[in-house]
Amino acid sequence: NVFKMFHYLGITAPMLDIACFPDHLIYADGISGFEYLRVPMGQEVVSYFKHPYGSFHREELLRALIKECQKSRLIKLITSAKVLEIEEKENG
């Protein structure tokens, strides 16, 4: 559940603004409409996972993530560049 990560990063609020929250996930035959499975996604998911299940349009998600990155002094966004090396430090 990506909302657990959003919570950890402190960016839940802007993600709630762009997400849609289905009441159910439905697996159905695209031609006949026969419903094979219906999974409740509301309060049941929040109770179990402690976070909601949301769906995003990719562009809205990426724009929101860029906006949040731009707010952080710990993140430097560089376009048209290749990552050649990553250095991990013990304190993150």
N, C-alpha and C. Protein backbone atom coordinates (compact mmCIF):
# COMPACT_ATOMS: atom_id res chain seq x y z
N ASN A 1 0.84 -1.17 0.00
CA ASN A 1 0.00 0.00 0.00
C ASN A 1 0.89 1.24 0.00
N VAL A 2 0.81 2.03 -1.04
CA VAL A 2 1.67 3.19 -1.19
C VAL A 2 1.39 4.27 -0.15
N PHE A 3 0.20 4.28 0.44
CA PHE A 3 -0.10 5.30 1.44
C PHE A 3 0.73 5.12 2.71
N LYS A 4 1.19 3.93 2.97
CA LYS A 4 2.11 3.73 4.11
C LYS A 4 3.40 4.49 3.84
N MET A 5 3.91 4.45 2.60
CA MET A 5 5.11 5.17 2.25
C MET A 5 4.86 6.68 2.29
N PHE A 6 3.70 7.12 1.77
CA PHE A 6 3.39 8.54 1.81
C PHE A 6 3.37 9.04 3.25
N HIS A 7 2.80 8.24 4.15
CA HIS A 7 2.76 8.61 5.57
C HIS A 7 4.18 8.74 6.11
N TYR A 8 5.03 7.78 5.81
CA TYR A 8 6.42 7.79 6.26
C TYR A 8 7.15 9.04 5.75
N LEU A 9 6.88 9.43 4.51
CA LEU A 9 7.53 10.59 3.91
C LEU A 9 6.89 11.92 4.31
N GLY A 10 5.73 11.84 4.97
CA GLY A 10 5.05 13.06 5.40
C GLY A 10 4.32 13.78 4.27
N ILE A 11 3.90 13.05 3.25
CA ILE A 11 3.23 13.67 2.10
C ILE A 11 1.83 13.10 1.86
N THR A 12 1.21 12.60 2.89
CA THR A 12 -0.11 12.00 2.74
C THR A 12 -1.15 13.01 2.26
N ALA A 13 -1.18 14.19 2.85
CA ALA A 13 -2.23 15.17 2.54
C ALA A 13 -2.30 15.51 1.05
N PRO A 14 -1.20 15.86 0.40
CA PRO A 14 -1.33 16.18 -1.03
C PRO A 14 -1.72 14.96 -1.88
N MET A 15 -1.37 13.78 -1.43
CA MET A 15 -1.73 12.57 -2.18
C MET A 15 -3.22 12.25 -2.01
N LEU A 16 -3.77 12.54 -0.84
CA LEU A 16 -5.21 12.36 -0.64
C LEU A 16 -6.01 13.26 -1.57
N ASP A 17 -5.44 14.43 -1.88
CA ASP A 17 -6.14 15.38 -2.76
C ASP A 17 -6.27 14.88 -4.19
N ILE A 18 -5.34 14.05 -4.64
CA ILE A 18 -5.37 13.62 -6.05
C ILE A 18 -5.83 12.18 -6.25
N ALA A 19 -5.99 11.45 -5.16
CA ALA A 19 -6.37 10.03 -5.27
C ALA A 19 -7.87 9.88 -5.38
N CYS A 20 -8.27 8.79 -6.01
CA CYS A 20 -9.67 8.40 -5.96
C CYS A 20 -9.71 7.09 -5.17
N PHE A 21 -10.76 6.93 -4.40
CA PHE A 21 -10.86 5.80 -3.49
C PHE A 21 -12.07 4.95 -3.83
N PRO A 22 -11.85 3.84 -4.54
CA PRO A 22 -12.99 2.99 -4.92
C PRO A 22 -13.57 2.28 -3.70
N ASP A 23 -14.87 2.07 -3.73
CA ASP A 23 -15.52 1.31 -2.67
C ASP A 23 -15.19 -0.18 -2.79
N HIS A 24 -15.00 -0.63 -4.04
CA HIS A 24 -14.70 -2.04 -4.30
C HIS A 24 -13.74 -2.16 -5.47
N LEU A 25 -12.95 -3.21 -5.49
CA LEU A 25 -12.23 -3.63 -6.69
C LEU A 25 -13.08 -4.73 -7.29
N ILE A 26 -13.38 -4.59 -8.55
CA ILE A 26 -14.25 -5.56 -9.21
C ILE A 26 -13.50 -6.18 -10.38
N TYR A 27 -13.46 -7.50 -10.39
CA TYR A 27 -12.88 -8.25 -11.49
C TYR A 27 -14.03 -8.83 -12.30
N ALA A 28 -14.17 -8.33 -13.53
CA ALA A 28 -15.32 -8.72 -14.34
C ALA A 28 -14.89 -9.03 -15.76
N ASP A 29 -15.68 -9.81 -16.43
CA ASP A 29 -15.47 -10.11 -17.85
C ASP A 29 -15.81 -8.87 -18.65
N GLY A 30 -14.87 -8.44 -19.49
CA GLY A 30 -15.07 -7.21 -20.25
C GLY A 30 -16.14 -7.30 -21.31
N ILE A 31 -16.48 -8.49 -21.74
CA ILE A 31 -17.49 -8.65 -22.79
C ILE A 31 -18.87 -8.91 -22.19
N SER A 32 -18.95 -9.89 -21.31
CA SER A 32 -20.26 -10.27 -20.76
C SER A 32 -20.65 -9.43 -19.55
N GLY A 33 -19.65 -8.83 -18.88
CA GLY A 33 -19.94 -8.09 -17.66
C GLY A 33 -20.07 -8.97 -16.44
N PHE A 34 -19.85 -10.29 -16.62
CA PHE A 34 -19.95 -11.21 -15.48
C PHE A 34 -18.91 -10.82 -14.43
N GLU A 35 -19.37 -10.68 -13.21
CA GLU A 35 -18.50 -10.28 -12.10
C GLU A 35 -17.92 -11.51 -11.43
N TYR A 36 -16.61 -11.67 -11.54
CA TYR A 36 -15.93 -12.81 -10.94
C TYR A 36 -15.61 -12.58 -9.47
N LEU A 37 -15.28 -11.37 -9.13
CA LEU A 37 -14.84 -11.08 -7.77
C LEU A 37 -15.12 -9.63 -7.44
N ARG A 38 -15.55 -9.37 -6.21
CA ARG A 38 -15.76 -8.01 -5.71
C ARG A 38 -15.08 -7.95 -4.34
N VAL A 39 -14.11 -7.06 -4.22
CA VAL A 39 -13.34 -6.93 -2.98
C VAL A 39 -13.63 -5.56 -2.37
N PRO A 40 -14.15 -5.53 -1.13
CA PRO A 40 -14.40 -4.24 -0.48
C PRO A 40 -13.09 -3.50 -0.22
N MET A 41 -13.05 -2.21 -0.51
CA MET A 41 -11.81 -1.44 -0.37
C MET A 41 -11.96 -0.25 0.57
N GLY A 42 -13.06 -0.07 1.18
CA GLY A 42 -13.30 1.08 2.05
C GLY A 42 -12.66 0.93 3.42
N GLN A 43 -13.49 1.03 4.43
CA GLN A 43 -13.03 0.98 5.82
C GLN A 43 -12.36 -0.35 6.15
N GLU A 44 -12.74 -1.41 5.46
CA GLU A 44 -12.11 -2.71 5.71
C GLU A 44 -10.61 -2.65 5.46
N VAL A 45 -10.21 -1.98 4.37
CA VAL A 45 -8.79 -1.86 4.03
C VAL A 45 -8.07 -0.98 5.05
N VAL A 46 -8.70 0.14 5.42
CA VAL A 46 -8.08 1.04 6.40
C VAL A 46 -7.92 0.33 7.74
N SER A 47 -8.91 -0.44 8.14
CA SER A 47 -8.83 -1.16 9.41
C SER A 47 -7.69 -2.17 9.40
N TYR A 48 -7.51 -2.85 8.28
CA TYR A 48 -6.48 -3.89 8.19
C TYR A 48 -5.08 -3.33 7.95
N PHE A 49 -4.95 -2.41 6.99
CA PHE A 49 -3.64 -1.91 6.59
C PHE A 49 -3.26 -0.58 7.26
N LYS A 50 -4.21 0.05 7.93
CA LYS A 50 -4.02 1.34 8.60
C LYS A 50 -3.90 2.51 7.63
N HIS A 51 -4.12 2.25 6.35
CA HIS A 51 -4.06 3.29 5.32
C HIS A 51 -5.08 2.94 4.24
N PRO A 52 -5.59 3.96 3.52
CA PRO A 52 -6.58 3.69 2.48
C PRO A 52 -5.94 3.11 1.22
N TYR A 53 -6.78 2.57 0.37
CA TYR A 53 -6.35 2.14 -0.97
C TYR A 53 -6.81 3.22 -1.93
N GLY A 54 -5.87 3.82 -2.62
CA GLY A 54 -6.22 4.87 -3.57
C GLY A 54 -5.64 4.59 -4.94
N SER A 55 -6.24 5.20 -5.92
CA SER A 55 -5.78 5.07 -7.30
C SER A 55 -5.47 6.46 -7.83
N PHE A 56 -4.43 6.56 -8.67
CA PHE A 56 -3.99 7.85 -9.19
C PHE A 56 -3.84 7.80 -10.70
N HIS A 57 -4.00 8.95 -11.32
CA HIS A 57 -3.56 9.10 -12.70
C HIS A 57 -2.06 9.36 -12.62
N ARG A 58 -1.29 8.70 -13.46
CA ARG A 58 0.18 8.78 -13.40
C ARG A 58 0.68 10.22 -13.44
N GLU A 59 0.15 11.04 -14.34
CA GLU A 59 0.63 12.42 -14.45
C GLU A 59 0.37 13.20 -13.17
N GLU A 60 -0.81 13.05 -12.60
CA GLU A 60 -1.12 13.77 -11.35
C GLU A 60 -0.20 13.32 -10.23
N LEU A 61 0.07 12.02 -10.16
CA LEU A 61 0.96 11.50 -9.12
C LEU A 61 2.36 12.07 -9.29
N LEU A 62 2.90 12.03 -10.51
CA LEU A 62 4.25 12.53 -10.74
C LEU A 62 4.34 14.03 -10.47
N ARG A 63 3.34 14.79 -10.86
CA ARG A 63 3.36 16.23 -10.58
C ARG A 63 3.33 16.50 -9.07
N ALA A 64 2.53 15.76 -8.35
CA ALA A 64 2.46 15.95 -6.90
C ALA A 64 3.79 15.57 -6.24
N LEU A 65 4.41 14.48 -6.70
CA LEU A 65 5.70 14.08 -6.13
C LEU A 65 6.78 15.11 -6.43
N ILE A 66 6.80 15.64 -7.65
CA ILE A 66 7.78 16.68 -7.99
C ILE A 66 7.57 17.91 -7.11
N LYS A 67 6.34 18.30 -6.94
CA LYS A 67 6.03 19.47 -6.11
C LYS A 67 6.54 19.28 -4.68
N GLU A 68 6.33 18.07 -4.13
CA GLU A 68 6.80 17.79 -2.77
C GLU A 68 8.32 17.75 -2.71
N CYS A 69 8.97 17.22 -3.75
CA CYS A 69 10.43 17.19 -3.79
C CYS A 69 10.99 18.61 -3.83
N GLN A 70 10.35 19.50 -4.58
CA GLN A 70 10.82 20.87 -4.70
C GLN A 70 10.75 21.62 -3.37
N LYS A 71 9.90 21.18 -2.47
CA LYS A 71 9.79 21.80 -1.15
C LYS A 71 10.93 21.42 -0.22
N SER A 72 11.62 20.33 -0.51
CA SER A 72 12.65 19.80 0.38
C SER A 72 14.02 20.35 0.04
N ARG A 73 14.74 20.81 1.05
CA ARG A 73 16.12 21.25 0.83
C ARG A 73 17.07 20.06 0.73
N LEU A 74 16.57 18.86 1.01
CA LEU A 74 17.39 17.66 0.94
C LEU A 74 17.41 17.03 -0.45
N ILE A 75 16.55 17.52 -1.33
CA ILE A 75 16.42 16.94 -2.66
C ILE A 75 16.78 17.98 -3.71
N LYS A 76 17.63 17.59 -4.63
CA LYS A 76 17.99 18.44 -5.76
C LYS A 76 17.54 17.73 -7.03
N LEU A 77 16.64 18.36 -7.77
CA LEU A 77 16.14 17.78 -9.01
C LEU A 77 16.99 18.28 -10.17
N ILE A 78 17.49 17.34 -10.95
CA ILE A 78 18.32 17.67 -12.11
C ILE A 78 17.72 16.95 -13.30
N THR A 79 17.44 17.68 -14.37
CA THR A 79 16.85 17.07 -15.56
C THR A 79 17.92 16.75 -16.60
N SER A 80 17.59 15.87 -17.51
CA SER A 80 18.47 15.49 -18.63
C SER A 80 19.85 15.05 -18.14
N ALA A 81 19.89 14.21 -17.13
CA ALA A 81 21.16 13.74 -16.58
C ALA A 81 21.07 12.24 -16.33
N LYS A 82 22.24 11.59 -16.34
CA LYS A 82 22.31 10.17 -16.02
C LYS A 82 22.85 10.00 -14.61
N VAL A 83 22.33 9.02 -13.90
CA VAL A 83 22.86 8.68 -12.58
C VAL A 83 23.98 7.68 -12.81
N LEU A 84 25.17 8.07 -12.44
CA LEU A 84 26.33 7.20 -12.63
C LEU A 84 26.70 6.45 -11.36
N GLU A 85 26.35 7.03 -10.22
CA GLU A 85 26.74 6.43 -8.96
C GLU A 85 25.78 6.89 -7.87
N ILE A 86 25.52 6.00 -6.93
CA ILE A 86 24.70 6.33 -5.77
C ILE A 86 25.51 5.98 -4.53
N GLU A 87 25.53 6.90 -3.60
CA GLU A 87 26.24 6.66 -2.33
C GLU A 87 25.22 6.63 -1.21
N GLU A 88 25.15 5.50 -0.52
CA GLU A 88 24.25 5.39 0.62
C GLU A 88 25.04 5.64 1.90
N LYS A 89 24.42 6.39 2.79
CA LYS A 89 25.06 6.69 4.07
C LYS A 89 24.24 6.06 5.18
N GLU A 90 24.87 5.79 6.29
CA GLU A 90 24.19 5.11 7.40
C GLU A 90 22.99 5.89 7.91
N ASN A 91 23.04 7.21 7.89
CA ASN A 91 21.95 8.01 8.42
C ASN A 91 20.95 8.42 7.34
N GLY A 92 21.04 7.78 6.18
CA GLY A 92 20.08 8.03 5.11
C GLY A 92 20.56 9.08 4.17
